[in-house]
């Protein structure tokens, strides 16, 4: 994952999970460990990227 605010890159687990917009939504909010700003993440896409890496 990459933070769009500061450019920090790391695995999804380093970004603190905040919440999903709805229970069935694929997107969620996570917090960047470097700048602490919120990042919108497509959880399904990130999971696919981690499995293929």
C-alpha atoms as a PDB file:
ATOM      1  CA  UNK A   1       0.000   0.000   0.000  1.00  0.00           C
ATOM      2  CA  UNK A   2       1.024   3.585  -0.475  1.00  0.00           C
ATOM      3  CA  UNK A   3      -0.115   6.671   1.416  1.00  0.00           C
ATOM      4  CA  UNK A   4      -1.329   9.319  -1.014  1.00  0.00           C
ATOM      5  CA  UNK A   5      -0.460  12.075   1.462  1.00  0.00           C
ATOM      6  CA  UNK A   6       3.194  11.411   2.380  1.00  0.00           C
ATOM      7  CA  UNK A   7       4.226   8.626  -0.018  1.00  0.00           C
ATOM      8  CA  UNK A   8       4.939   6.014   2.688  1.00  0.00           C
ATOM      9  CA  UNK A   9       4.781   2.468   1.313  1.00  0.00           C
ATOM     10  CA  UNK A  10       4.219  -0.653   3.363  1.00  0.00           C
ATOM     11  CA  UNK A  11       2.133  -3.775   3.732  1.00  0.00           C
ATOM     12  CA  UNK A  12      -1.530  -3.391   4.580  1.00  0.00           C
ATOM     13  CA  UNK A  13      -1.023  -4.593   8.154  1.00  0.00           C
ATOM     14  CA  UNK A  14       1.227  -1.588   8.945  1.00  0.00           C
ATOM     15  CA  UNK A  15      -1.688   0.754   8.200  1.00  0.00           C
ATOM     16  CA  UNK A  16      -4.038   0.766  11.214  1.00  0.00           C
ATOM     17  CA  UNK A  17      -7.576  -0.285  10.348  1.00  0.00           C
ATOM     18  CA  UNK A  18     -10.148   2.387  11.192  1.00  0.00           C
ATOM     19  CA  UNK A  19     -13.487   1.299   9.685  1.00  0.00           C
ATOM     20  CA  UNK A  20     -15.493   0.346   6.586  1.00  0.00           C
ATOM     21  CA  UNK A  21     -18.051   2.738   5.177  1.00  0.00           C
ATOM     22  CA  UNK A  22     -20.643  -0.077   5.208  1.00  0.00           C
ATOM     23  CA  UNK A  23     -20.390  -3.716   6.194  1.00  0.00           C
ATOM     24  CA  UNK A  24     -20.463  -5.002   2.615  1.00  0.00           C
ATOM     25  CA  UNK A  25     -18.266  -2.287   1.064  1.00  0.00           C
ATOM     26  CA  UNK A  26     -14.871  -3.337  -0.344  1.00  0.00           C
ATOM     27  CA  UNK A  27     -13.343  -0.010   0.685  1.00  0.00           C
ATOM     28  CA  UNK A  28     -12.118   0.845   4.161  1.00  0.00           C
ATOM     29  CA  UNK A  29     -10.302   3.631   5.945  1.00  0.00           C
ATOM     30  CA  UNK A  30      -6.825   2.971   7.313  1.00  0.00           C
ATOM     31  CA  UNK A  31      -4.349   5.279   9.056  1.00  0.00           C
ATOM     32  CA  UNK A  32      -0.835   5.848   7.703  1.00  0.00           C
ATOM     33  CA  UNK A  33       1.812   4.927  10.321  1.00  0.00           C
ATOM     34  CA  UNK A  34       4.049   7.808   9.228  1.00  0.00           C
ATOM     35  CA  UNK A  35       1.802  10.869   8.805  1.00  0.00           C
ATOM     36  CA  UNK A  36      -1.335   9.516  10.592  1.00  0.00           C
ATOM     37  CA  UNK A  37      -3.656  10.706   7.830  1.00  0.00           C
ATOM     38  CA  UNK A  38      -6.550   8.554   6.673  1.00  0.00           C
ATOM     39  CA  UNK A  39      -6.146   6.523   3.498  1.00  0.00           C
ATOM     40  CA  UNK A  40      -9.042   4.975   1.578  1.00  0.00           C
ATOM     41  CA  UNK A  41      -8.174   1.384   0.728  1.00  0.00           C
ATOM     42  CA  UNK A  42      -9.845  -1.165  -1.506  1.00  0.00           C
ATOM     43  CA  UNK A  43      -9.396  -4.151   0.820  1.00  0.00           C
ATOM     44  CA  UNK A  44     -10.131  -6.734  -1.872  1.00  0.00           C
ATOM     45  CA  UNK A  45      -7.573  -5.317  -4.303  1.00  0.00           C
ATOM     46  CA  UNK A  46      -4.887  -5.060  -1.614  1.00  0.00           C
ATOM     47  CA  UNK A  47      -5.514  -8.658  -0.575  1.00  0.00           C
ATOM     48  CA  UNK A  48      -5.082  -9.813  -4.182  1.00  0.00           C
ATOM     49  CA  UNK A  49      -1.809  -7.846  -4.489  1.00  0.00           C
ATOM     50  CA  UNK A  50      -0.401  -9.363  -1.291  1.00  0.00           C
ATOM     51  CA  UNK A  51      -1.277 -12.907  -2.370  1.00  0.00           C
ATOM     52  CA  UNK A  52       0.331 -12.484  -5.791  1.00  0.00           C
ATOM     53  CA  UNK A  53       3.545 -10.948  -4.394  1.00  0.00           C
END
